[in-house]
Structure formats: C-alpha cells, structure tokens
Amino acid sequence: NGLNEAIERINQRPKPLALYLFSKQREA
C-alpha cells in the first residue's frame, strides 16, 4: 500500500546488493 509500506518491507530484510524503484516522483 504505497511507498512507505514498500520501504518497511525492504528494511525488514538484510541490505541488498541492488535496489530498484519505478516512479516519476523525485520525492519518492
């Protein structure tokens, strides 16, 4: 449900080698 939940999910796991975001928003 949006970027905040995505970030929470990412931070629940060990730090990855790469991270990808598809969005036009510079703020995101």
mmCIF file of all heavy atoms, coordinates in Angstrom:
data_MODEL
# 
_entry.id   MODEL 
# 
loop_
_atom_site.group_PDB 
_atom_site.id 
_atom_site.type_symbol 
_atom_site.label_atom_id 
_atom_site.label_alt_id 
_atom_site.label_comp_id 
_atom_site.label_asym_id 
_atom_site.label_entity_id 
_atom_site.label_seq_id 
_atom_site.pdbx_PDB_ins_code 
_atom_site.Cartn_x 
_atom_site.Cartn_y 
_atom_site.Cartn_z 
_atom_site.occupancy 
_atom_site.B_iso_or_equiv 
_atom_site.pdbx_formal_charge 
_atom_site.auth_seq_id 
_atom_site.auth_comp_id 
_atom_site.auth_asym_id 
_atom_site.auth_atom_id 
_atom_site.pdbx_PDB_model_num 
ATOM 1   N N   . ASN A 1 1  ? 0.847  -1.194  0.000   1.00 0.00 ? 1  ASN A N   1 
ATOM 2   C CA  . ASN A 1 1  ? 0.000  0.000   0.000   1.00 0.00 ? 1  ASN A CA  1 
ATOM 3   C C   . ASN A 1 1  ? 0.884  1.246   0.000   1.00 0.00 ? 1  ASN A C   1 
ATOM 4   O O   . ASN A 1 1  ? 1.033  1.928   1.014   1.00 0.00 ? 1  ASN A O   1 
ATOM 5   C CB  . ASN A 1 1  ? -0.933 -0.012  1.213   1.00 0.00 ? 1  ASN A CB  1 
ATOM 6   C CG  . ASN A 1 1  ? -1.882 1.180   1.230   1.00 0.00 ? 1  ASN A CG  1 
ATOM 7   O OD1 . ASN A 1 1  ? -2.088 1.823   0.193   1.00 0.00 ? 1  ASN A OD1 1 
ATOM 8   N ND2 . ASN A 1 1  ? -2.431 1.487   2.386   1.00 0.00 ? 1  ASN A ND2 1 
ATOM 9   N N   . GLY A 1 2  ? 1.518  1.492   -1.120  1.00 0.00 ? 2  GLY A N   1 
ATOM 10  C CA  . GLY A 1 2  ? 2.314  2.698   -1.274  1.00 0.00 ? 2  GLY A CA  1 
ATOM 11  C C   . GLY A 1 2  ? 3.773  2.546   -0.884  1.00 0.00 ? 2  GLY A C   1 
ATOM 12  O O   . GLY A 1 2  ? 4.246  1.486   -0.452  1.00 0.00 ? 2  GLY A O   1 
ATOM 13  N N   . LEU A 1 3  ? 4.518  3.659   -1.012  1.00 0.00 ? 3  LEU A N   1 
ATOM 14  C CA  . LEU A 1 3  ? 5.967  3.664   -0.828  1.00 0.00 ? 3  LEU A CA  1 
ATOM 15  C C   . LEU A 1 3  ? 6.371  3.357   0.610   1.00 0.00 ? 3  LEU A C   1 
ATOM 16  O O   . LEU A 1 3  ? 7.344  2.640   0.846   1.00 0.00 ? 3  LEU A O   1 
ATOM 17  C CB  . LEU A 1 3  ? 6.543  5.022   -1.250  1.00 0.00 ? 3  LEU A CB  1 
ATOM 18  C CG  . LEU A 1 3  ? 8.057  5.192   -1.095  1.00 0.00 ? 3  LEU A CG  1 
ATOM 19  C CD1 . LEU A 1 3  ? 8.815  4.189   -1.956  1.00 0.00 ? 3  LEU A CD1 1 
ATOM 20  C CD2 . LEU A 1 3  ? 8.474  6.616   -1.445  1.00 0.00 ? 3  LEU A CD2 1 
ATOM 21  N N   . ASN A 1 4  ? 5.648  3.890   1.590   1.00 0.00 ? 4  ASN A N   1 
ATOM 22  C CA  . ASN A 1 4  ? 6.033  3.678   2.988   1.00 0.00 ? 4  ASN A CA  1 
ATOM 23  C C   . ASN A 1 4  ? 6.041  2.200   3.355   1.00 0.00 ? 4  ASN A C   1 
ATOM 24  O O   . ASN A 1 4  ? 6.971  1.707   4.004   1.00 0.00 ? 4  ASN A O   1 
ATOM 25  C CB  . ASN A 1 4  ? 5.098  4.446   3.919   1.00 0.00 ? 4  ASN A CB  1 
ATOM 26  C CG  . ASN A 1 4  ? 5.382  5.933   3.920   1.00 0.00 ? 4  ASN A CG  1 
ATOM 27  O OD1 . ASN A 1 4  ? 6.517  6.353   3.671   1.00 0.00 ? 4  ASN A OD1 1 
ATOM 28  N ND2 . ASN A 1 4  ? 4.371  6.741   4.195   1.00 0.00 ? 4  ASN A ND2 1 
ATOM 29  N N   . GLU A 1 5  ? 5.009  1.477   2.930   1.00 0.00 ? 5  GLU A N   1 
ATOM 30  C CA  . GLU A 1 5  ? 4.981  0.047   3.219   1.00 0.00 ? 5  GLU A CA  1 
ATOM 31  C C   . GLU A 1 5  ? 6.099  -0.678  2.481   1.00 0.00 ? 5  GLU A C   1 
ATOM 32  O O   . GLU A 1 5  ? 6.710  -1.616  3.014   1.00 0.00 ? 5  GLU A O   1 
ATOM 33  C CB  . GLU A 1 5  ? 3.630  -0.562  2.862   1.00 0.00 ? 5  GLU A CB  1 
ATOM 34  C CG  . GLU A 1 5  ? 3.543  -2.038  3.256   1.00 0.00 ? 5  GLU A CG  1 
ATOM 35  C CD  . GLU A 1 5  ? 2.212  -2.692  2.919   1.00 0.00 ? 5  GLU A CD  1 
ATOM 36  O OE1 . GLU A 1 5  ? 1.248  -1.966  2.591   1.00 0.00 ? 5  GLU A OE1 1 
ATOM 37  O OE2 . GLU A 1 5  ? 2.147  -3.935  2.992   1.00 0.00 ? 5  GLU A OE2 1 
ATOM 38  N N   . ALA A 1 6  ? 6.379  -0.267  1.232   1.00 0.00 ? 6  ALA A N   1 
ATOM 39  C CA  . ALA A 1 6  ? 7.472  -0.888  0.475   1.00 0.00 ? 6  ALA A CA  1 
ATOM 40  C C   . ALA A 1 6  ? 8.799  -0.713  1.208   1.00 0.00 ? 6  ALA A C   1 
ATOM 41  O O   . ALA A 1 6  ? 9.590  -1.654  1.332   1.00 0.00 ? 6  ALA A O   1 
ATOM 42  C CB  . ALA A 1 6  ? 7.551  -0.291  -0.926  1.00 0.00 ? 6  ALA A CB  1 
ATOM 43  N N   . ILE A 1 7  ? 9.043  0.490   1.725   1.00 0.00 ? 7  ILE A N   1 
ATOM 44  C CA  . ILE A 1 7  ? 10.291 0.748   2.453   1.00 0.00 ? 7  ILE A CA  1 
ATOM 45  C C   . ILE A 1 7  ? 10.348 -0.085  3.730   1.00 0.00 ? 7  ILE A C   1 
ATOM 46  O O   . ILE A 1 7  ? 11.409 -0.631  4.091   1.00 0.00 ? 7  ILE A O   1 
ATOM 47  C CB  . ILE A 1 7  ? 10.427 2.251   2.743   1.00 0.00 ? 7  ILE A CB  1 
ATOM 48  C CG1 . ILE A 1 7  ? 10.696 3.008   1.432   1.00 0.00 ? 7  ILE A CG1 1 
ATOM 49  C CG2 . ILE A 1 7  ? 11.544 2.510   3.746   1.00 0.00 ? 7  ILE A CG2 1 
ATOM 50  C CD1 . ILE A 1 7  ? 10.732 4.513   1.579   1.00 0.00 ? 7  ILE A CD1 1 
ATOM 51  N N   . GLU A 1 8  ? 9.238  -0.216  4.409   1.00 0.00 ? 8  GLU A N   1 
ATOM 52  C CA  . GLU A 1 8  ? 9.199  -1.055  5.606   1.00 0.00 ? 8  GLU A CA  1 
ATOM 53  C C   . GLU A 1 8  ? 9.560  -2.499  5.271   1.00 0.00 ? 8  GLU A C   1 
ATOM 54  O O   . GLU A 1 8  ? 10.317 -3.156  6.005   1.00 0.00 ? 8  GLU A O   1 
ATOM 55  C CB  . GLU A 1 8  ? 7.809  -0.998  6.243   1.00 0.00 ? 8  GLU A CB  1 
ATOM 56  C CG  . GLU A 1 8  ? 7.479  0.337   6.895   1.00 0.00 ? 8  GLU A CG  1 
ATOM 57  C CD  . GLU A 1 8  ? 6.043  0.384   7.401   1.00 0.00 ? 8  GLU A CD  1 
ATOM 58  O OE1 . GLU A 1 8  ? 5.362  -0.667  7.356   1.00 0.00 ? 8  GLU A OE1 1 
ATOM 59  O OE2 . GLU A 1 8  ? 5.602  1.458   7.836   1.00 0.00 ? 8  GLU A OE2 1 
ATOM 60  N N   . ARG A 1 9  ? 9.004  -3.006  4.173   1.00 0.00 ? 9  ARG A N   1 
ATOM 61  C CA  . ARG A 1 9  ? 9.315  -4.386  3.755   1.00 0.00 ? 9  ARG A CA  1 
ATOM 62  C C   . ARG A 1 9  ? 10.803 -4.533  3.435   1.00 0.00 ? 9  ARG A C   1 
ATOM 63  O O   . ARG A 1 9  ? 11.439 -5.521  3.824   1.00 0.00 ? 9  ARG A O   1 
ATOM 64  C CB  . ARG A 1 9  ? 8.491  -4.739  2.518   1.00 0.00 ? 9  ARG A CB  1 
ATOM 65  C CG  . ARG A 1 9  ? 6.980  -4.699  2.719   1.00 0.00 ? 9  ARG A CG  1 
ATOM 66  C CD  . ARG A 1 9  ? 6.481  -5.959  3.381   1.00 0.00 ? 9  ARG A CD  1 
ATOM 67  N NE  . ARG A 1 9  ? 5.028  -6.074  3.314   1.00 0.00 ? 9  ARG A NE  1 
ATOM 68  C CZ  . ARG A 1 9  ? 4.344  -7.089  3.779   1.00 0.00 ? 9  ARG A CZ  1 
ATOM 69  N NH1 . ARG A 1 9  ? 4.965  -8.085  4.368   1.00 0.00 ? 9  ARG A NH1 1 
ATOM 70  N NH2 . ARG A 1 9  ? 3.025  -7.128  3.682   1.00 0.00 ? 9  ARG A NH2 1 
ATOM 71  N N   . ILE A 1 10 ? 11.358 -3.570  2.732   1.00 0.00 ? 10 ILE A N   1 
ATOM 72  C CA  . ILE A 1 10 ? 12.779 -3.629  2.362   1.00 0.00 ? 10 ILE A CA  1 
ATOM 73  C C   . ILE A 1 10 ? 13.647 -3.645  3.607   1.00 0.00 ? 10 ILE A C   1 
ATOM 74  O O   . ILE A 1 10 ? 14.612 -4.419  3.716   1.00 0.00 ? 10 ILE A O   1 
ATOM 75  C CB  . ILE A 1 10 ? 13.138 -2.436  1.456   1.00 0.00 ? 10 ILE A CB  1 
ATOM 76  C CG1 . ILE A 1 10 ? 12.452 -2.570  0.093   1.00 0.00 ? 10 ILE A CG1 1 
ATOM 77  C CG2 . ILE A 1 10 ? 14.648 -2.322  1.279   1.00 0.00 ? 10 ILE A CG2 1 
ATOM 78  C CD1 . ILE A 1 10 ? 12.512 -1.320  -0.760  1.00 0.00 ? 10 ILE A CD1 1 
ATOM 79  N N   . ASN A 1 11 ? 13.317 -2.815  4.562   1.00 0.00 ? 11 ASN A N   1 
ATOM 80  C CA  . ASN A 1 11 ? 14.140 -2.695  5.769   1.00 0.00 ? 11 ASN A CA  1 
ATOM 81  C C   . ASN A 1 11 ? 13.966 -3.855  6.746   1.00 0.00 ? 11 ASN A C   1 
ATOM 82  O O   . ASN A 1 11 ? 14.726 -3.964  7.711   1.00 0.00 ? 11 ASN A O   1 
ATOM 83  C CB  . ASN A 1 11 ? 13.841 -1.373  6.464   1.00 0.00 ? 11 ASN A CB  1 
ATOM 84  C CG  . ASN A 1 11 ? 14.377 -0.174  5.698   1.00 0.00 ? 11 ASN A CG  1 
ATOM 85  O OD1 . ASN A 1 11 ? 15.315 -0.307  4.906   1.00 0.00 ? 11 ASN A OD1 1 
ATOM 86  N ND2 . ASN A 1 11 ? 13.781 0.989   5.904   1.00 0.00 ? 11 ASN A ND2 1 
ATOM 87  N N   . GLN A 1 12 ? 12.995 -4.721  6.486   1.00 0.00 ? 12 GLN A N   1 
ATOM 88  C CA  . GLN A 1 12 ? 12.854 -5.930  7.295   1.00 0.00 ? 12 GLN A CA  1 
ATOM 89  C C   . GLN A 1 12 ? 13.833 -7.024  6.873   1.00 0.00 ? 12 GLN A C   1 
ATOM 90  O O   . GLN A 1 12 ? 13.973 -8.029  7.565   1.00 0.00 ? 12 GLN A O   1 
ATOM 91  C CB  . GLN A 1 12 ? 11.422 -6.456  7.200   1.00 0.00 ? 12 GLN A CB  1 
ATOM 92  C CG  . GLN A 1 12 ? 10.400 -5.605  7.941   1.00 0.00 ? 12 GLN A CG  1 
ATOM 93  C CD  . GLN A 1 12 ? 8.968  -6.021  7.660   1.00 0.00 ? 12 GLN A CD  1 
ATOM 94  O OE1 . GLN A 1 12 ? 8.728  -7.073  7.066   1.00 0.00 ? 12 GLN A OE1 1 
ATOM 95  N NE2 . GLN A 1 12 ? 8.012  -5.212  8.085   1.00 0.00 ? 12 GLN A NE2 1 
ATOM 96  N N   . ARG A 1 13 ? 14.505 -6.818  5.751   1.00 0.00 ? 13 ARG A N   1 
ATOM 97  C CA  . ARG A 1 13 ? 15.433 -7.811  5.219   1.00 0.00 ? 13 ARG A CA  1 
ATOM 98  C C   . ARG A 1 13 ? 16.864 -7.275  5.284   1.00 0.00 ? 13 ARG A C   1 
ATOM 99  O O   . ARG A 1 13 ? 17.076 -6.070  5.441   1.00 0.00 ? 13 ARG A O   1 
ATOM 100 C CB  . ARG A 1 13 ? 15.079 -8.147  3.764   1.00 0.00 ? 13 ARG A CB  1 
ATOM 101 C CG  . ARG A 1 13 ? 13.649 -8.652  3.550   1.00 0.00 ? 13 ARG A CG  1 
ATOM 102 C CD  . ARG A 1 13 ? 13.526 -9.320  2.205   1.00 0.00 ? 13 ARG A CD  1 
ATOM 103 N NE  . ARG A 1 13 ? 14.474 -10.422 2.126   1.00 0.00 ? 13 ARG A NE  1 
ATOM 104 C CZ  . ARG A 1 13 ? 14.242 -11.649 2.586   1.00 0.00 ? 13 ARG A CZ  1 
ATOM 105 N NH1 . ARG A 1 13 ? 13.091 -11.934 3.150   1.00 0.00 ? 13 ARG A NH1 1 
ATOM 106 N NH2 . ARG A 1 13 ? 15.155 -12.588 2.473   1.00 0.00 ? 13 ARG A NH2 1 
ATOM 107 N N   . PRO A 1 14 ? 17.869 -8.147  5.154   1.00 0.00 ? 14 PRO A N   1 
ATOM 108 C CA  . PRO A 1 14 ? 19.249 -7.656  5.071   1.00 0.00 ? 14 PRO A CA  1 
ATOM 109 C C   . PRO A 1 14 ? 19.437 -6.712  3.884   1.00 0.00 ? 14 PRO A C   1 
ATOM 110 O O   . PRO A 1 14 ? 18.694 -6.754  2.913   1.00 0.00 ? 14 PRO A O   1 
ATOM 111 C CB  . PRO A 1 14 ? 20.060 -8.948  4.888   1.00 0.00 ? 14 PRO A CB  1 
ATOM 112 C CG  . PRO A 1 14 ? 19.201 -10.028 5.458   1.00 0.00 ? 14 PRO A CG  1 
ATOM 113 C CD  . PRO A 1 14 ? 17.794 -9.620  5.167   1.00 0.00 ? 14 PRO A CD  1 
ATOM 114 N N   . LYS A 1 15 ? 20.447 -5.875  3.980   1.00 0.00 ? 15 LYS A N   1 
ATOM 115 C CA  . LYS A 1 15 ? 20.697 -4.878  2.930   1.00 0.00 ? 15 LYS A CA  1 
ATOM 116 C C   . LYS A 1 15 ? 21.015 -5.572  1.600   1.00 0.00 ? 15 LYS A C   1 
ATOM 117 O O   . LYS A 1 15 ? 21.915 -6.411  1.534   1.00 0.00 ? 15 LYS A O   1 
ATOM 118 C CB  . LYS A 1 15 ? 21.852 -3.970  3.345   1.00 0.00 ? 15 LYS A CB  1 
ATOM 119 C CG  . LYS A 1 15 ? 21.559 -3.160  4.593   1.00 0.00 ? 15 LYS A CG  1 
ATOM 120 C CD  . LYS A 1 15 ? 22.759 -2.351  5.047   1.00 0.00 ? 15 LYS A CD  1 
ATOM 121 C CE  . LYS A 1 15 ? 22.438 -1.574  6.317   1.00 0.00 ? 15 LYS A CE  1 
ATOM 122 N NZ  . LYS A 1 15 ? 23.600 -0.773  6.772   1.00 0.00 ? 15 LYS A NZ  1 
ATOM 123 N N   . PRO A 1 16 ? 20.302 -5.209  0.533   1.00 0.00 ? 16 PRO A N   1 
ATOM 124 C CA  . PRO A 1 16 ? 20.503 -5.889  -0.747  1.00 0.00 ? 16 PRO A CA  1 
ATOM 125 C C   . PRO A 1 16 ? 21.659 -5.304  -1.548  1.00 0.00 ? 16 PRO A C   1 
ATOM 126 O O   . PRO A 1 16 ? 22.134 -4.194  -1.268  1.00 0.00 ? 16 PRO A O   1 
ATOM 127 C CB  . PRO A 1 16 ? 19.173 -5.645  -1.473  1.00 0.00 ? 16 PRO A CB  1 
ATOM 128 C CG  . PRO A 1 16 ? 18.734 -4.309  -0.955  1.00 0.00 ? 16 PRO A CG  1 
ATOM 129 C CD  . PRO A 1 16 ? 19.181 -4.255  0.489   1.00 0.00 ? 16 PRO A CD  1 
ATOM 130 N N   . LEU A 1 17 ? 22.080 -6.045  -2.559  1.00 0.00 ? 17 LEU A N   1 
ATOM 131 C CA  . LEU A 1 17 ? 23.132 -5.568  -3.457  1.00 0.00 ? 17 LEU A CA  1 
ATOM 132 C C   . LEU A 1 17 ? 22.623 -4.452  -4.358  1.00 0.00 ? 17 LEU A C   1 
ATOM 133 O O   . LEU A 1 17 ? 23.347 -3.511  -4.680  1.00 0.00 ? 17 LEU A O   1 
ATOM 134 C CB  . LEU A 1 17 ? 23.663 -6.735  -4.299  1.00 0.00 ? 17 LEU A CB  1 
ATOM 135 C CG  . LEU A 1 17 ? 24.810 -6.440  -5.261  1.00 0.00 ? 17 LEU A CG  1 
ATOM 136 C CD1 . LEU A 1 17 ? 26.021 -5.874  -4.527  1.00 0.00 ? 17 LEU A CD1 1 
ATOM 137 C CD2 . LEU A 1 17 ? 25.200 -7.706  -6.027  1.00 0.00 ? 17 LEU A CD2 1 
ATOM 138 N N   . ALA A 1 18 ? 21.369 -4.560  -4.786  1.00 0.00 ? 18 ALA A N   1 
ATOM 139 C CA  . ALA A 1 18 ? 20.775 -3.539  -5.657  1.00 0.00 ? 18 ALA A CA  1 
ATOM 140 C C   . ALA A 1 18 ? 19.355 -3.262  -5.197  1.00 0.00 ? 18 ALA A C   1 
ATOM 141 O O   . ALA A 1 18 ? 18.691 -4.125  -4.624  1.00 0.00 ? 18 ALA A O   1 
ATOM 142 C CB  . ALA A 1 18 ? 20.783 -3.999  -7.108  1.00 0.00 ? 18 ALA A CB  1 
ATOM 143 N N   . LEU A 1 19 ? 18.892 -2.051  -5.478  1.00 0.00 ? 19 LEU A N   1 
ATOM 144 C CA  . LEU A 1 19 ? 17.526 -1.649  -5.136  1.00 0.00 ? 19 LEU A CA  1 
ATOM 145 C C   . LEU A 1 19 ? 16.988 -0.841  -6.307  1.00 0.00 ? 19 LEU A C   1 
ATOM 146 O O   . LEU A 1 19 ? 17.670 0.064   -6.809  1.00 0.00 ? 19 LEU A O   1 
ATOM 147 C CB  . LEU A 1 19 ? 17.527 -0.824  -3.853  1.00 0.00 ? 19 LEU A CB  1 
ATOM 148 C CG  . LEU A 1 19 ? 16.190 -0.623  -3.121  1.00 0.00 ? 19 LEU A CG  1 
ATOM 149 C CD1 . LEU A 1 19 ? 16.448 -0.167  -1.682  1.00 0.00 ? 19 LEU A CD1 1 
ATOM 150 C CD2 . LEU A 1 19 ? 15.298 0.388   -3.803  1.00 0.00 ? 19 LEU A CD2 1 
ATOM 151 N N   . TYR A 1 20 ? 15.776 -1.178  -6.739  1.00 0.00 ? 20 TYR A N   1 
ATOM 152 C CA  . TYR A 1 20 ? 15.189 -0.539  -7.916  1.00 0.00 ? 20 TYR A CA  1 
ATOM 153 C C   . TYR A 1 20 ? 13.858 0.119   -7.560  1.00 0.00 ? 20 TYR A C   1 
ATOM 154 O O   . TYR A 1 20 ? 13.060 -0.446  -6.808  1.00 0.00 ? 20 TYR A O   1 
ATOM 155 C CB  . TYR A 1 20 ? 14.983 -1.574  -9.026  1.00 0.00 ? 20 TYR A CB  1 
ATOM 156 C CG  . TYR A 1 20 ? 16.252 -2.299  -9.405  1.00 0.00 ? 20 TYR A CG  1 
ATOM 157 C CD1 . TYR A 1 20 ? 16.441 -3.646  -9.076  1.00 0.00 ? 20 TYR A CD1 1 
ATOM 158 C CD2 . TYR A 1 20 ? 17.282 -1.639  -10.055 1.00 0.00 ? 20 TYR A CD2 1 
ATOM 159 C CE1 . TYR A 1 20 ? 17.607 -4.308  -9.404  1.00 0.00 ? 20 TYR A CE1 1 
ATOM 160 C CE2 . TYR A 1 20 ? 18.458 -2.292  -10.386 1.00 0.00 ? 20 TYR A CE2 1 
ATOM 161 C CZ  . TYR A 1 20 ? 18.612 -3.625  -10.061 1.00 0.00 ? 20 TYR A CZ  1 
ATOM 162 O OH  . TYR A 1 20 ? 19.785 -4.275  -10.382 1.00 0.00 ? 20 TYR A OH  1 
ATOM 163 N N   . LEU A 1 21 ? 13.642 1.298   -8.111  1.00 0.00 ? 21 LEU A N   1 
ATOM 164 C CA  . LEU A 1 21 ? 12.368 1.996   -7.937  1.00 0.00 ? 21 LEU A CA  1 
ATOM 165 C C   . LEU A 1 21 ? 11.890 2.497   -9.288  1.00 0.00 ? 21 LEU A C   1 
ATOM 166 O O   . LEU A 1 21 ? 12.652 3.140   -10.029 1.00 0.00 ? 21 LEU A O   1 
ATOM 167 C CB  . LEU A 1 21 ? 12.524 3.188   -6.982  1.00 0.00 ? 21 LEU A CB  1 
ATOM 168 C CG  . LEU A 1 21 ? 11.310 4.118   -6.904  1.00 0.00 ? 21 LEU A CG  1 
ATOM 169 C CD1 . LEU A 1 21 ? 10.123 3.417   -6.235  1.00 0.00 ? 21 LEU A CD1 1 
ATOM 170 C CD2 . LEU A 1 21 ? 11.654 5.422   -6.169  1.00 0.00 ? 21 LEU A CD2 1 
ATOM 171 N N   . PHE A 1 22 ? 10.618 2.201   -9.595  1.00 0.00 ? 22 PHE A N   1 
ATOM 172 C CA  . PHE A 1 22 ? 9.984  2.714   -10.805 1.00 0.00 ? 22 PHE A CA  1 
ATOM 173 C C   . PHE A 1 22 ? 8.941  3.743   -10.386 1.00 0.00 ? 22 PHE A C   1 
ATOM 174 O O   . PHE A 1 22 ? 7.888  3.404   -9.857  1.00 0.00 ? 22 PHE A O   1 
ATOM 175 C CB  . PHE A 1 22 ? 9.348  1.568   -11.593 1.00 0.00 ? 22 PHE A CB  1 
ATOM 176 C CG  . PHE A 1 22 ? 10.351 0.660   -12.234 1.00 0.00 ? 22 PHE A CG  1 
ATOM 177 C CD1 . PHE A 1 22 ? 10.956 -0.362  -11.507 1.00 0.00 ? 22 PHE A CD1 1 
ATOM 178 C CD2 . PHE A 1 22 ? 10.731 0.840   -13.555 1.00 0.00 ? 22 PHE A CD2 1 
ATOM 179 C CE1 . PHE A 1 22 ? 11.896 -1.192  -12.085 1.00 0.00 ? 22 PHE A CE1 1 
ATOM 180 C CE2 . PHE A 1 22 ? 11.678 0.022   -14.146 1.00 0.00 ? 22 PHE A CE2 1 
ATOM 181 C CZ  . PHE A 1 22 ? 12.262 -1.001  -13.420 1.00 0.00 ? 22 PHE A CZ  1 
ATOM 182 N N   . SER A 1 23 ? 9.274  4.999   -10.598 1.00 0.00 ? 23 SER A N   1 
ATOM 183 C CA  . SER A 1 23 ? 8.385  6.101   -10.241 1.00 0.00 ? 23 SER A CA  1 
ATOM 184 C C   . SER A 1 23 ? 8.898  7.377   -10.896 1.00 0.00 ? 23 SER A C   1 
ATOM 185 O O   . SER A 1 23 ? 10.108 7.572   -11.050 1.00 0.00 ? 23 SER A O   1 
ATOM 186 C CB  . SER A 1 23 ? 8.332  6.300   -8.715  1.00 0.00 ? 23 SER A CB  1 
ATOM 187 O OG  . SER A 1 23 ? 7.610  7.449   -8.380  1.00 0.00 ? 23 SER A OG  1 
ATOM 188 N N   . LYS A 1 24 ? 7.970  8.262   -11.247 1.00 0.00 ? 24 LYS A N   1 
ATOM 189 C CA  . LYS A 1 24 ? 8.341  9.557   -11.821 1.00 0.00 ? 24 LYS A CA  1 
ATOM 190 C C   . LYS A 1 24 ? 8.622  10.593  -10.748 1.00 0.00 ? 24 LYS A C   1 
ATOM 191 O O   . LYS A 1 24 ? 9.106  11.682  -11.039 1.00 0.00 ? 24 LYS A O   1 
ATOM 192 C CB  . LYS A 1 24 ? 7.217  10.061  -12.729 1.00 0.00 ? 24 LYS A CB  1 
ATOM 193 C CG  . LYS A 1 24 ? 6.893  9.141   -13.897 1.00 0.00 ? 24 LYS A CG  1 
ATOM 194 C CD  . LYS A 1 24 ? 5.641  9.581   -14.620 1.00 0.00 ? 24 LYS A CD  1 
ATOM 195 C CE  . LYS A 1 24 ? 5.236  8.580   -15.704 1.00 0.00 ? 24 LYS A CE  1 
ATOM 196 N NZ  . LYS A 1 24 ? 3.940  8.923   -16.338 1.00 0.00 ? 24 LYS A NZ  1 
ATOM 197 N N   . GLN A 1 25 ? 8.307  10.292  -9.502  1.00 0.00 ? 25 GLN A N   1 
ATOM 198 C CA  . GLN A 1 25 ? 8.404  11.277  -8.434  1.00 0.00 ? 25 GLN A CA  1 
ATOM 199 C C   . GLN A 1 25 ? 9.834  11.397  -7.889  1.00 0.00 ? 25 GLN A C   1 
ATOM 200 O O   . GLN A 1 25 ? 10.394 10.412  -7.407  1.00 0.00 ? 25 GLN A O   1 
ATOM 201 C CB  . GLN A 1 25 ? 7.488  10.888  -7.269  1.00 0.00 ? 25 GLN A CB  1 
ATOM 202 C CG  . GLN A 1 25 ? 6.035  10.681  -7.622  1.00 0.00 ? 25 GLN A CG  1 
ATOM 203 C CD  . GLN A 1 25 ? 5.269  10.141  -6.432  1.00 0.00 ? 25 GLN A CD  1 
ATOM 204 O OE1 . GLN A 1 25 ? 5.341  10.671  -5.323  1.00 0.00 ? 25 GLN A OE1 1 
ATOM 205 N NE2 . GLN A 1 25 ? 4.548  9.051   -6.643  1.00 0.00 ? 25 GLN A NE2 1 
ATOM 206 N N   . ARG A 1 26 ? 10.377 12.579  -7.957  1.00 0.00 ? 26 ARG A N   1 
ATOM 207 C CA  . ARG A 1 26 ? 11.699 12.804  -7.364  1.00 0.00 ? 26 ARG A CA  1 
ATOM 208 C C   . ARG A 1 26 ? 11.639 12.619  -5.848  1.00 0.00 ? 26 ARG A C   1 
ATOM 209 O O   . ARG A 1 26 ? 12.583 12.128  -5.228  1.00 0.00 ? 26 ARG A O   1 
ATOM 210 C CB  . ARG A 1 26 ? 12.179 14.213  -7.711  1.00 0.00 ? 26 ARG A CB  1 
ATOM 211 C CG  . ARG A 1 26 ? 13.551 14.568  -7.132  1.00 0.00 ? 26 ARG A CG  1 
ATOM 212 C CD  . ARG A 1 26 ? 14.626 13.608  -7.621  1.00 0.00 ? 26 ARG A CD  1 
ATOM 213 N NE  . ARG A 1 26 ? 15.902 13.881  -7.023  1.00 0.00 ? 26 ARG A NE  1 
ATOM 214 C CZ  . ARG A 1 26 ? 16.849 14.626  -7.567  1.00 0.00 ? 26 ARG A CZ  1 
ATOM 215 N NH1 . ARG A 1 26 ? 16.624 15.200  -8.747  1.00 0.00 ? 26 ARG A NH1 1 
ATOM 216 N NH2 . ARG A 1 26 ? 18.000 14.822  -6.970  1.00 0.00 ? 26 ARG A NH2 1 
ATOM 217 N N   . GLU A 1 27 ? 10.524 12.979  -5.248  1.00 0.00 ? 27 GLU A N   1 
ATOM 218 C CA  . GLU A 1 27 ? 10.376 12.820  -3.808  1.00 0.00 ? 27 GLU A CA  1 
ATOM 219 C C   . GLU A 1 27 ? 10.448 11.346  -3.406  1.00 0.00 ? 27 GLU A C   1 
ATOM 220 O O   . GLU A 1 27 ? 11.072 10.994  -2.394  1.00 0.00 ? 27 GLU A O   1 
ATOM 221 C CB  . GLU A 1 27 ? 9.041  13.408  -3.345  1.00 0.00 ? 27 GLU A CB  1 
ATOM 222 C CG  . GLU A 1 27 ? 8.830  13.317  -1.840  1.00 0.00 ? 27 GLU A CG  1 
ATOM 223 C CD  . GLU A 1 27 ? 7.488  13.869  -1.399  1.00 0.00 ? 27 GLU A CD  1 
ATOM 224 O OE1 . GLU A 1 27 ? 6.758  14.416  -2.248  1.00 0.00 ? 27 GLU A OE1 1 
ATOM 225 O OE2 . GLU A 1 27 ? 7.167  13.751  -0.200  1.00 0.00 ? 27 GLU A OE2 1 
ATOM 226 N N   . ALA A 1 28 ? 9.829  10.471  -4.201  1.00 0.00 ? 28 ALA A N   1 
ATOM 227 C CA  . ALA A 1 28 ? 9.885  9.038   -3.908  1.00 0.00 ? 28 ALA A CA  1 
ATOM 228 C C   . ALA A 1 28 ? 11.314 8.527   -4.033  1.00 0.00 ? 28 ALA A C   1 
ATOM 229 O O   . ALA A 1 28 ? 11.776 7.711   -3.220  1.00 0.00 ? 28 ALA A O   1 
ATOM 230 C CB  . ALA A 1 28 ? 8.963  8.280   -4.856  1.00 0.00 ? 28 ALA A CB  1 
# 
